[in-house]
Structures are given as C-alpha cells and as structure tokens.
Amino acid sequence: MKSPLITDELAKVAQRVIWVESSEEAVADPVQLVAYAMTYGTHEDMKVIRRYFSDDELREYLAQARSGIFDARSWAYWHLKLDRYPPPPLPTRVFR
C-alpha cells in the first residue's frame, strides 16, 4: 500500500472527507482516505483521487475497506464503476 506525496489538492480532499484527522494523517492511510472519498466525496474530489491512485489501487483499497465507512449505495456504485459487480457484502465489524 503506497502513500502518495501530499499535495495541496489531495490535502483539501482529505480535509473535506476525513475531518477528524490532519491532512497528513489522512493521506498516510490510503485505504481509509479512498473509502471516505468514495462515500463522502464530491465528483471533483474523486477526480483528484483518481489522478493519484490507479484503478487497480482503488480496487485493492476497496477490497481492504474497513467496516462502518461505506453506505450500501456507495459500496455498490464503486464496485460497479471498478468492474467488480456484483459487490460482496459490506464489511462488518467482528467482535471476539
């Protein structure tokens, strides 16, 4: 999992979609950043994300998504958009 260099435009997206962390922290965890952007980002946010991450990376991060971030609509949309339809069940939290 690569962490891209933080740029002004990527930092702005990170601030908008992950408001509880600094931009640097958000960009350091691309799985979480991509999941939040896919769920809460605008079309413009996703244009920025797609400049920094390839479709293969987006598929990989989608497969590693943590529970509690995606809603059903975003989950289905991004699986369809990235040629992974039908989508698997949404990630769930496991308590032990």
PDB file of N, CA and C in Angstrom:
ATOM      1  N   MET A   1       0.855  -1.167   0.000  1.00  0.00           N
ATOM      2  CA  MET A   1       0.000   0.000   0.000  1.00  0.00           C
ATOM      3  C   MET A   1       0.901   1.230   0.000  1.00  0.00           C
ATOM      4  N   LYS A   2       0.761   2.008  -1.066  1.00  0.00           N
ATOM      5  CA  LYS A   2       1.595   3.209  -1.146  1.00  0.00           C
ATOM      6  C   LYS A   2       0.852   4.409  -0.585  1.00  0.00           C
ATOM      7  N   SER A   3       1.594   5.292  -0.007  1.00  0.00           N
ATOM      8  CA  SER A   3       1.025   6.543   0.479  1.00  0.00           C
ATOM      9  C   SER A   3       1.556   7.642  -0.434  1.00  0.00           C
ATOM     10  N   PRO A   4       0.676   8.327  -1.170  1.00  0.00           N
ATOM     11  CA  PRO A   4       1.167   9.327  -2.116  1.00  0.00           C
ATOM     12  C   PRO A   4       1.735  10.544  -1.394  1.00  0.00           C
ATOM     13  N   LEU A   5       2.562  11.276  -2.117  1.00  0.00           N
ATOM     14  CA  LEU A   5       3.047  12.540  -1.571  1.00  0.00           C
ATOM     15  C   LEU A   5       1.860  13.470  -1.410  1.00  0.00           C
ATOM     16  N   ILE A   6       1.840  14.178  -0.321  1.00  0.00           N
ATOM     17  CA  ILE A   6       0.705  15.073  -0.083  1.00  0.00           C
ATOM     18  C   ILE A   6       0.884  16.348  -0.909  1.00  0.00           C
ATOM     19  N   THR A   7      -0.139  16.689  -1.645  1.00  0.00           N
ATOM     20  CA  THR A   7      -0.166  17.922  -2.427  1.00  0.00           C
ATOM     21  C   THR A   7      -1.305  18.776  -1.882  1.00  0.00           C
ATOM     22  N   ASP A   8      -1.346  20.020  -2.300  1.00  0.00           N
ATOM     23  CA  ASP A   8      -2.419  20.906  -1.830  1.00  0.00           C
ATOM     24  C   ASP A   8      -3.793  20.365  -2.187  1.00  0.00           C
ATOM     25  N   GLU A   9      -3.951  19.872  -3.435  1.00  0.00           N
ATOM     26  CA  GLU A   9      -5.276  19.396  -3.833  1.00  0.00           C
ATOM     27  C   GLU A   9      -5.665  18.115  -3.100  1.00  0.00           C
ATOM     28  N   LEU A  10      -4.711  17.220  -2.861  1.00  0.00           N
ATOM     29  CA  LEU A  10      -5.010  15.999  -2.113  1.00  0.00           C
ATOM     30  C   LEU A  10      -5.293  16.332  -0.646  1.00  0.00           C
ATOM     31  N   ALA A  11      -4.572  17.297  -0.093  1.00  0.00           N
ATOM     32  CA  ALA A  11      -4.810  17.724   1.292  1.00  0.00           C
ATOM     33  C   ALA A  11      -6.211  18.302   1.448  1.00  0.00           C
ATOM     34  N   LYS A  12      -6.675  19.049   0.468  1.00  0.00           N
ATOM     35  CA  LYS A  12      -8.021  19.628   0.537  1.00  0.00           C
ATOM     36  C   LYS A  12      -9.088  18.543   0.516  1.00  0.00           C
ATOM     37  N   VAL A  13      -8.888  17.534  -0.319  1.00  0.00           N
ATOM     38  CA  VAL A  13      -9.838  16.416  -0.347  1.00  0.00           C
ATOM     39  C   VAL A  13      -9.819  15.702   1.002  1.00  0.00           C
ATOM     40  N   ALA A  14      -8.631  15.429   1.518  1.00  0.00           N
ATOM     41  CA  ALA A  14      -8.508  14.734   2.805  1.00  0.00           C
ATOM     42  C   ALA A  14      -9.202  15.515   3.917  1.00  0.00           C
ATOM     43  N   GLN A  15      -9.034  16.830   3.938  1.00  0.00           N
ATOM     44  CA  GLN A  15      -9.690  17.651   4.968  1.00  0.00           C
ATOM     45  C   GLN A  15     -11.206  17.583   4.856  1.00  0.00           C
ATOM     46  N   ARG A  16     -11.712  17.567   3.634  1.00  0.00           N
ATOM     47  CA  ARG A  16     -13.164  17.547   3.431  1.00  0.00           C
ATOM     48  C   ARG A  16     -13.793  16.218   3.830  1.00  0.00           C
ATOM     49  N   VAL A  17     -13.119  15.113   3.501  1.00  0.00           N
ATOM     50  CA  VAL A  17     -13.766  13.813   3.725  1.00  0.00           C
ATOM     51  C   VAL A  17     -13.384  13.162   5.050  1.00  0.00           C
ATOM     52  N   ILE A  18     -12.245  13.522   5.613  1.00  0.00           N
ATOM     53  CA  ILE A  18     -11.832  12.993   6.929  1.00  0.00           C
ATOM     54  C   ILE A  18     -11.497  14.193   7.806  1.00  0.00           C
ATOM     55  N   TRP A  19     -12.523  14.757   8.386  1.00  0.00           N
ATOM     56  CA  TRP A  19     -12.370  15.997   9.138  1.00  0.00           C
ATOM     57  C   TRP A  19     -11.838  15.784  10.547  1.00  0.00           C
ATOM     58  N   VAL A  20     -11.726  14.546  11.006  1.00  0.00           N
ATOM     59  CA  VAL A  20     -11.277  14.282  12.378  1.00  0.00           C
ATOM     60  C   VAL A  20      -9.771  14.064  12.471  1.00  0.00           C
ATOM     61  N   GLU A  21      -9.076  14.093  11.332  1.00  0.00           N
ATOM     62  CA  GLU A  21      -7.626  13.904  11.312  1.00  0.00           C
ATOM     63  C   GLU A  21      -6.985  15.035  10.525  1.00  0.00           C
ATOM     64  N   SER A  22      -5.701  15.207  10.728  1.00  0.00           N
ATOM     65  CA  SER A  22      -4.978  16.172   9.897  1.00  0.00           C
ATOM     66  C   SER A  22      -4.867  15.598   8.484  1.00  0.00           C
ATOM     67  N   SER A  23      -4.616  16.457   7.535  1.00  0.00           N
ATOM     68  CA  SER A  23      -4.461  16.012   6.144  1.00  0.00           C
ATOM     69  C   SER A  23      -3.327  15.002   6.015  1.00  0.00           C
ATOM     70  N   GLU A  24      -2.238  15.246   6.731  1.00  0.00           N
ATOM     71  CA  GLU A  24      -1.084  14.350   6.665  1.00  0.00           C
ATOM     72  C   GLU A  24      -1.446  12.954   7.166  1.00  0.00           C
ATOM     73  N   GLU A  25      -2.184  12.890   8.275  1.00  0.00           N
ATOM     74  CA  GLU A  25      -2.606  11.589   8.812  1.00  0.00           C
ATOM     75  C   GLU A  25      -3.547  10.888   7.839  1.00  0.00           C
ATOM     76  N   ALA A  26      -4.463  11.634   7.269  1.00  0.00           N
ATOM     77  CA  ALA A  26      -5.442  11.047   6.353  1.00  0.00           C
ATOM     78  C   ALA A  26      -4.773  10.493   5.104  1.00  0.00           C
ATOM     79  N   VAL A  27      -3.840  11.236   4.538  1.00  0.00           N
ATOM     80  CA  VAL A  27      -3.166  10.786   3.314  1.00  0.00           C
ATOM     81  C   VAL A  27      -2.233   9.612   3.604  1.00  0.00           C
ATOM     82  N   ALA A  28      -1.733   9.505   4.826  1.00  0.00           N
ATOM     83  CA  ALA A  28      -0.845   8.403   5.192  1.00  0.00           C
ATOM     84  C   ALA A  28      -1.557   7.056   5.211  1.00  0.00           C
ATOM     85  N   ASP A  29      -2.879   7.053   5.252  1.00  0.00           N
ATOM     86  CA  ASP A  29      -3.666   5.813   5.252  1.00  0.00           C
ATOM     87  C   ASP A  29      -4.565   5.813   4.014  1.00  0.00           C
ATOM     88  N   PRO A  30      -4.011   5.406   2.857  1.00  0.00           N
ATOM     89  CA  PRO A  30      -4.787   5.499   1.617  1.00  0.00           C
ATOM     90  C   PRO A  30      -6.043   4.636   1.597  1.00  0.00           C
ATOM     91  N   VAL A  31      -6.056   3.507   2.297  1.00  0.00           N
ATOM     92  CA  VAL A  31      -7.263   2.668   2.334  1.00  0.00           C
ATOM     93  C   VAL A  31      -8.413   3.465   2.948  1.00  0.00           C
ATOM     94  N   GLN A  32      -8.148   4.108   4.055  1.00  0.00           N
ATOM     95  CA  GLN A  32      -9.181   4.899   4.723  1.00  0.00           C
ATOM     96  C   GLN A  32      -9.542   6.141   3.907  1.00  0.00           C
ATOM     97  N   LEU A  33      -8.545   6.840   3.373  1.00  0.00           N
ATOM     98  CA  LEU A  33      -8.796   8.043   2.578  1.00  0.00           C
ATOM     99  C   LEU A  33      -9.685   7.734   1.383  1.00  0.00           C
ATOM    100  N   VAL A  34      -9.355   6.688   0.654  1.00  0.00           N
ATOM    101  CA  VAL A  34     -10.139   6.321  -0.529  1.00  0.00           C
ATOM    102  C   VAL A  34     -11.556   5.922  -0.129  1.00  0.00           C
ATOM    103  N   ALA A  35     -11.708   5.158   0.939  1.00  0.00           N
ATOM    104  CA  ALA A  35     -13.046   4.744   1.377  1.00  0.00           C
ATOM    105  C   ALA A  35     -13.907   5.958   1.736  1.00  0.00           C
ATOM    106  N   TYR A  36     -13.351   6.887   2.492  1.00  0.00           N
ATOM    107  CA  TYR A  36     -14.110   8.092   2.849  1.00  0.00           C
ATOM    108  C   TYR A  36     -14.418   8.942   1.621  1.00  0.00           C
ATOM    109  N   ALA A  37     -13.460   9.056   0.714  1.00  0.00           N
ATOM    110  CA  ALA A  37     -13.699   9.839  -0.502  1.00  0.00           C
ATOM    111  C   ALA A  37     -14.780   9.193  -1.363  1.00  0.00           C
ATOM    112  N   MET A  38     -14.763   7.867  -1.475  1.00  0.00           N
ATOM    113  CA  MET A  38     -15.782   7.170  -2.265  1.00  0.00           C
ATOM    114  C   MET A  38     -17.171   7.332  -1.652  1.00  0.00           C
ATOM    115  N   THR A  39     -17.235   7.467  -0.349  1.00  0.00           N
ATOM    116  CA  THR A  39     -18.520   7.576   0.336  1.00  0.00           C
ATOM    117  C   THR A  39     -18.987   9.021   0.472  1.00  0.00           C
ATOM    118  N   TYR A  40     -18.101   9.921   0.846  1.00  0.00           N
ATOM    119  CA  TYR A  40     -18.492  11.292   1.170  1.00  0.00           C
ATOM    120  C   TYR A  40     -17.981  12.354   0.195  1.00  0.00           C
ATOM    121  N   GLY A  41     -17.101  11.959  -0.713  1.00  0.00           N
ATOM    122  CA  GLY A  41     -16.502  12.928  -1.619  1.00  0.00           C
ATOM    123  C   GLY A  41     -17.433  13.365  -2.737  1.00  0.00           C
ATOM    124  N   THR A  42     -17.115  14.505  -3.295  1.00  0.00           N
ATOM    125  CA  THR A  42     -17.836  15.014  -4.456  1.00  0.00           C
ATOM    126  C   THR A  42     -17.210  14.438  -5.722  1.00  0.00           C
ATOM    127  N   HIS A  43     -17.851  14.716  -6.844  1.00  0.00           N
ATOM    128  CA  HIS A  43     -17.287  14.298  -8.127  1.00  0.00           C
ATOM    129  C   HIS A  43     -15.890  14.909  -8.306  1.00  0.00           C
ATOM    130  N   GLU A  44     -15.742  16.167  -7.927  1.00  0.00           N
ATOM    131  CA  GLU A  44     -14.439  16.838  -8.041  1.00  0.00           C
ATOM    132  C   GLU A  44     -13.397  16.182  -7.129  1.00  0.00           C
ATOM    133  N   ASP A  45     -13.805  15.796  -5.920  1.00  0.00           N
ATOM    134  CA  ASP A  45     -12.890  15.095  -5.009  1.00  0.00           C
ATOM    135  C   ASP A  45     -12.393  13.803  -5.645  1.00  0.00           C
ATOM    136  N   MET A  46     -13.308  13.072  -6.263  1.00  0.00           N
ATOM    137  CA  MET A  46     -12.926  11.789  -6.860  1.00  0.00           C
ATOM    138  C   MET A  46     -12.058  11.977  -8.102  1.00  0.00           C
ATOM    139  N   LYS A  47     -12.202  13.073  -8.799  1.00  0.00           N
ATOM    140  CA  LYS A  47     -11.298  13.354  -9.920  1.00  0.00           C
ATOM    141  C   LYS A  47      -9.871  13.517  -9.398  1.00  0.00           C
ATOM    142  N   VAL A  48      -9.729  14.161  -8.254  1.00  0.00           N
ATOM    143  CA  VAL A  48      -8.408  14.313  -7.636  1.00  0.00           C
ATOM    144  C   VAL A  48      -7.881  12.949  -7.196  1.00  0.00           C
ATOM    145  N   ILE A  49      -8.696  12.190  -6.489  1.00  0.00           N
ATOM    146  CA  ILE A  49      -8.284  10.855  -6.021  1.00  0.00           C
ATOM    147  C   ILE A  49      -7.830  10.000  -7.197  1.00  0.00           C
ATOM    148  N   ARG A  50      -8.568  10.045  -8.281  1.00  0.00           N
ATOM    149  CA  ARG A  50      -8.242   9.200  -9.433  1.00  0.00           C
ATOM    150  C   ARG A  50      -6.993   9.674 -10.171  1.00  0.00           C
ATOM    151  N   ARG A  51      -6.562  10.886  -9.945  1.00  0.00           N
ATOM    152  CA  ARG A  51      -5.277  11.338 -10.506  1.00  0.00           C
ATOM    153  C   ARG A  51      -4.104  10.732  -9.733  1.00  0.00           C
ATOM    154  N   TYR A  52      -4.318  10.449  -8.463  1.00  0.00           N
ATOM    155  CA  TYR A  52      -3.236   9.946  -7.618  1.00  0.00           C
ATOM    156  C   TYR A  52      -3.236   8.432  -7.442  1.00  0.00           C
ATOM    157  N   PHE A  53      -4.366   7.785  -7.680  1.00  0.00           N
ATOM    158  CA  PHE A  53      -4.469   6.343  -7.487  1.00  0.00           C
ATOM    159  C   PHE A  53      -5.004   5.697  -8.758  1.00  0.00           C
ATOM    160  N   SER A  54      -4.380   4.601  -9.155  1.00  0.00           N
ATOM    161  CA  SER A  54      -4.833   3.869 -10.344  1.00  0.00           C
ATOM    162  C   SER A  54      -6.108   3.090 -10.017  1.00  0.00           C
ATOM    163  N   ASP A  55      -6.798   2.633 -11.047  1.00  0.00           N
ATOM    164  CA  ASP A  55      -7.985   1.800 -10.818  1.00  0.00           C
ATOM    165  C   ASP A  55      -7.621   0.523 -10.071  1.00  0.00           C
ATOM    166  N   ASP A  56      -6.454  -0.051 -10.372  1.00  0.00           N
ATOM    167  CA  ASP A  56      -6.030  -1.257  -9.647  1.00  0.00           C
ATOM    168  C   ASP A  56      -5.848  -0.967  -8.157  1.00  0.00           C
ATOM    169  N   GLU A  57      -5.276   0.177  -7.833  1.00  0.00           N
ATOM    170  CA  GLU A  57      -5.124   0.549  -6.422  1.00  0.00           C
ATOM    171  C   GLU A  57      -6.486   0.787  -5.783  1.00  0.00           C
ATOM    172  N   LEU A  58      -7.389   1.442  -6.498  1.00  0.00           N
ATOM    173  CA  LEU A  58      -8.730   1.670  -5.952  1.00  0.00           C
ATOM    174  C   LEU A  58      -9.433   0.344  -5.682  1.00  0.00           C
ATOM    175  N   ARG A  59      -9.288  -0.624  -6.594  1.00  0.00           N
ATOM    176  CA  ARG A  59      -9.883  -1.956  -6.373  1.00  0.00           C
ATOM    177  C   ARG A  59      -9.282  -2.613  -5.128  1.00  0.00           C
ATOM    178  N   GLU A  60      -7.955  -2.511  -4.999  1.00  0.00           N
ATOM    179  CA  GLU A  60      -7.274  -3.097  -3.839  1.00  0.00           C
ATOM    180  C   GLU A  60      -7.766  -2.457  -2.541  1.00  0.00           C
ATOM    181  N   TYR A  61      -7.875  -1.139  -2.515  1.00  0.00           N
ATOM    182  CA  TYR A  61      -8.316  -0.439  -1.313  1.00  0.00           C
ATOM    183  C   TYR A  61      -9.785  -0.723  -1.015  1.00  0.00           C
ATOM    184  N   LEU A  62     -10.582  -0.878  -2.063  1.00  0.00           N
ATOM    185  CA  LEU A  62     -11.991  -1.234  -1.885  1.00  0.00           C
ATOM    186  C   LEU A  62     -12.094  -2.616  -1.237  1.00  0.00           C
ATOM    187  N   ALA A  63     -11.239  -3.542  -1.665  1.00  0.00           N
ATOM    188  CA  ALA A  63     -11.238  -4.891  -1.090  1.00  0.00           C
ATOM    189  C   ALA A  63     -10.789  -4.882   0.374  1.00  0.00           C
ATOM    190  N   GLN A  64      -9.997  -3.884   0.762  1.00  0.00           N
ATOM    191  CA  GLN A  64      -9.489  -3.788   2.137  1.00  0.00           C
ATOM    192  C   GLN A  64     -10.323  -2.857   3.013  1.00  0.00           C
ATOM    193  N   ALA A  65     -11.438  -2.383   2.506  1.00  0.00           N
ATOM    194  CA  ALA A  65     -12.242  -1.383   3.223  1.00  0.00           C
ATOM    195  C   ALA A  65     -12.632  -1.866   4.616  1.00  0.00           C
ATOM    196  N   ARG A  66     -12.590  -0.936   5.543  1.00  0.00           N
ATOM    197  CA  ARG A  66     -12.968  -1.234   6.926  1.00  0.00           C
ATOM    198  C   ARG A  66     -14.469  -1.048   7.111  1.00  0.00           C
ATOM    199  N   SER A  67     -14.994  -1.685   8.108  1.00  0.00           N
ATOM    200  CA  SER A  67     -16.435  -1.576   8.375  1.00  0.00           C
ATOM    201  C   SER A  67     -16.788  -0.179   8.873  1.00  0.00           C
ATOM    202  N   GLY A  68     -18.032   0.203   8.616  1.00  0.00           N
ATOM    203  CA  GLY A  68     -18.557   1.446   9.147  1.00  0.00           C
ATOM    204  C   GLY A  68     -18.312   2.691   8.321  1.00  0.00           C
ATOM    205  N   ILE A  69     -17.630   2.586   7.195  1.00  0.00           N
ATOM    206  CA  ILE A  69     -17.364   3.767   6.373  1.00  0.00           C
ATOM    207  C   ILE A  69     -18.342   3.842   5.205  1.00  0.00           C
ATOM    208  N   PHE A  70     -18.456   2.778   4.450  1.00  0.00           N
ATOM    209  CA  PHE A  70     -19.308   2.776   3.260  1.00  0.00           C
ATOM    210  C   PHE A  70     -20.782   2.633   3.602  1.00  0.00           C
ATOM    211  N   ASP A  71     -21.621   3.308   2.822  1.00  0.00           N
ATOM    212  CA  ASP A  71     -23.053   3.021   2.837  1.00  0.00           C
ATOM    213  C   ASP A  71     -23.319   2.076   1.661  1.00  0.00           C
ATOM    214  N   ALA A  72     -24.475   1.445   1.647  1.00  0.00           N
ATOM    215  CA  ALA A  72     -24.774   0.432   0.629  1.00  0.00           C
ATOM    216  C   ALA A  72     -24.727   1.009  -0.785  1.00  0.00           C
ATOM    217  N   ARG A  73     -25.218   2.209  -0.955  1.00  0.00           N
ATOM    218  CA  ARG A  73     -25.252   2.822  -2.289  1.00  0.00           C
ATOM    219  C   ARG A  73     -23.838   3.074  -2.829  1.00  0.00           C
ATOM    220  N   SER A  74     -22.972   3.658  -2.024  1.00  0.00           N
ATOM    221  CA  SER A  74     -21.596   3.928  -2.453  1.00  0.00           C
ATOM    222  C   SER A  74     -20.838   2.631  -2.701  1.00  0.00           C
ATOM    223  N   TRP A  75     -21.065   1.655  -1.851  1.00  0.00           N
ATOM    224  CA  TRP A  75     -20.418   0.347  -1.982  1.00  0.00           C
ATOM    225  C   TRP A  75     -20.781  -0.285  -3.328  1.00  0.00           C
ATOM    226  N   ALA A  76     -22.051  -0.304  -3.654  1.00  0.00           N
ATOM    227  CA  ALA A  76     -22.499  -0.888  -4.923  1.00  0.00           C
ATOM    228  C   ALA A  76     -21.974  -0.074  -6.108  1.00  0.00           C
ATOM    229  N   TYR A  77     -22.053   1.248  -6.017  1.00  0.00           N
ATOM    230  CA  TYR A  77     -21.616   2.114  -7.115  1.00  0.00           C
ATOM    231  C   TYR A  77     -20.147   1.894  -7.453  1.00  0.00           C
ATOM    232  N   TRP A  78     -19.283   1.913  -6.441  1.00  0.00           N
ATOM    233  CA  TRP A  78     -17.854   1.812  -6.727  1.00  0.00           C
ATOM    234  C   TRP A  78     -17.445   0.421  -7.178  1.00  0.00           C
ATOM    235  N   HIS A  79     -18.143  -0.598  -6.725  1.00  0.00           N
ATOM    236  CA  HIS A  79     -17.861  -1.929  -7.266  1.00  0.00           C
ATOM    237  C   HIS A  79     -18.252  -1.992  -8.739  1.00  0.00           C
ATOM    238  N   LEU A  80     -19.390  -1.429  -9.081  1.00  0.00           N
ATOM    239  CA  LEU A  80     -19.811  -1.389 -10.484  1.00  0.00           C
ATOM    240  C   LEU A  80     -18.833  -0.555 -11.308  1.00  0.00           C
ATOM    241  N   LYS A  81     -18.480   0.614 -10.829  1.00  0.00           N
ATOM    242  CA  LYS A  81     -17.584   1.531 -11.539  1.00  0.00           C
ATOM    243  C   LYS A  81     -16.213   0.903 -11.787  1.00  0.00           C
ATOM    244  N   LEU A  82     -15.757   0.063 -10.867  1.00  0.00           N
ATOM    245  CA  LEU A  82     -14.431  -0.548 -10.977  1.00  0.00           C
ATOM    246  C   LEU A  82     -14.502  -1.997 -11.469  1.00  0.00           C
ATOM    247  N   ASP A  83     -15.595  -2.335 -12.156  1.00  0.00           N
ATOM    248  CA  ASP A  83     -15.762  -3.666 -12.773  1.00  0.00           C
ATOM    249  C   ASP A  83     -15.680  -4.811 -11.772  1.00  0.00           C
ATOM    250  N   ARG A  84     -16.305  -4.644 -10.630  1.00  0.00           N
ATOM    251  CA  ARG A  84     -16.331  -5.705  -9.614  1.00  0.00           C
ATOM    252  C   ARG A  84     -17.763  -5.939  -9.160  1.00  0.00           C
ATOM    253  N   TYR A  85     -18.637  -6.141 -10.120  1.00  0.00           N
ATOM    254  CA  TYR A  85     -20.055  -6.308  -9.814  1.00  0.00           C
ATOM    255  C   TYR A  85     -20.447  -7.749 -10.047  1.00  0.00           C
ATOM    256  N   PRO A  86     -21.247  -8.354  -9.204  1.00  0.00           N
ATOM    257  CA  PRO A  86     -21.939  -7.793  -8.044  1.00  0.00           C
ATOM    258  C   PRO A  86     -20.972  -7.616  -6.868  1.00  0.00           C
ATOM    259  N   PRO A  87     -21.280  -6.647  -6.025  1.00  0.00           N
ATOM    260  CA  PRO A  87     -20.384  -6.392  -4.894  1.00  0.00           C
ATOM    261  C   PRO A  87     -20.536  -7.458  -3.816  1.00  0.00           C
ATOM    262  N   PRO A  88     -19.464  -7.707  -3.080  1.00  0.00           N
ATOM    263  CA  PRO A  88     -19.591  -8.581  -1.915  1.00  0.00           C
ATOM    264  C   PRO A  88     -20.387  -7.848  -0.835  1.00  0.00           C
ATOM    265  N   PRO A  89     -20.753  -8.530   0.227  1.00  0.00           N
ATOM    266  CA  PRO A  89     -21.438  -7.839   1.329  1.00  0.00           C
ATOM    267  C   PRO A  89     -20.559  -6.715   1.894  1.00  0.00           C
ATOM    268  N   LEU A  90     -21.212  -5.697   2.426  1.00  0.00           N
ATOM    269  CA  LEU A  90     -20.476  -4.614   3.085  1.00  0.00           C
ATOM    270  C   LEU A  90     -19.590  -5.178   4.194  1.00  0.00           C
ATOM    271  N   PRO A  91     -18.430  -4.576   4.425  1.00  0.00           N
ATOM    272  CA  PRO A  91     -17.589  -5.035   5.536  1.00  0.00           C
ATOM    273  C   PRO A  91     -18.346  -4.905   6.861  1.00  0.00           C
ATOM    274  N   THR A  92     -18.154  -5.878   7.711  1.00  0.00           N
ATOM    275  CA  THR A  92     -18.800  -5.845   9.023  1.00  0.00           C
ATOM    276  C   THR A  92     -17.744  -5.954  10.114  1.00  0.00           C
ATOM    277  N   ARG A  93     -18.078  -5.434  11.245  1.00  0.00           N
ATOM    278  CA  ARG A  93     -17.186  -5.489  12.391  1.00  0.00           C
ATOM    279  C   ARG A  93     -17.351  -6.846  13.066  1.00  0.00           C
ATOM    280  N   VAL A  94     -16.249  -7.432  13.450  1.00  0.00           N
ATOM    281  CA  VAL A  94     -16.276  -8.729  14.121  1.00  0.00           C
ATOM    282  C   VAL A  94     -15.851  -8.522  15.570  1.00  0.00           C
ATOM    283  N   PHE A  95     -16.691  -8.964  16.484  1.00  0.00           N
ATOM    284  CA  PHE A  95     -16.370  -8.872  17.906  1.00  0.00           C
ATOM    285  C   PHE A  95     -15.965 -10.250  18.398  1.00  0.00           C
ATOM    286  N   ARG A  96     -14.902 -10.280  19.164  1.00  0.00           N
ATOM    287  CA  ARG A  96     -14.417 -11.571  19.682  1.00  0.00           C
ATOM    288  C   ARG A  96     -14.435 -11.565  21.177  1.00  0.00           C
TER     289      ARG A  96
END
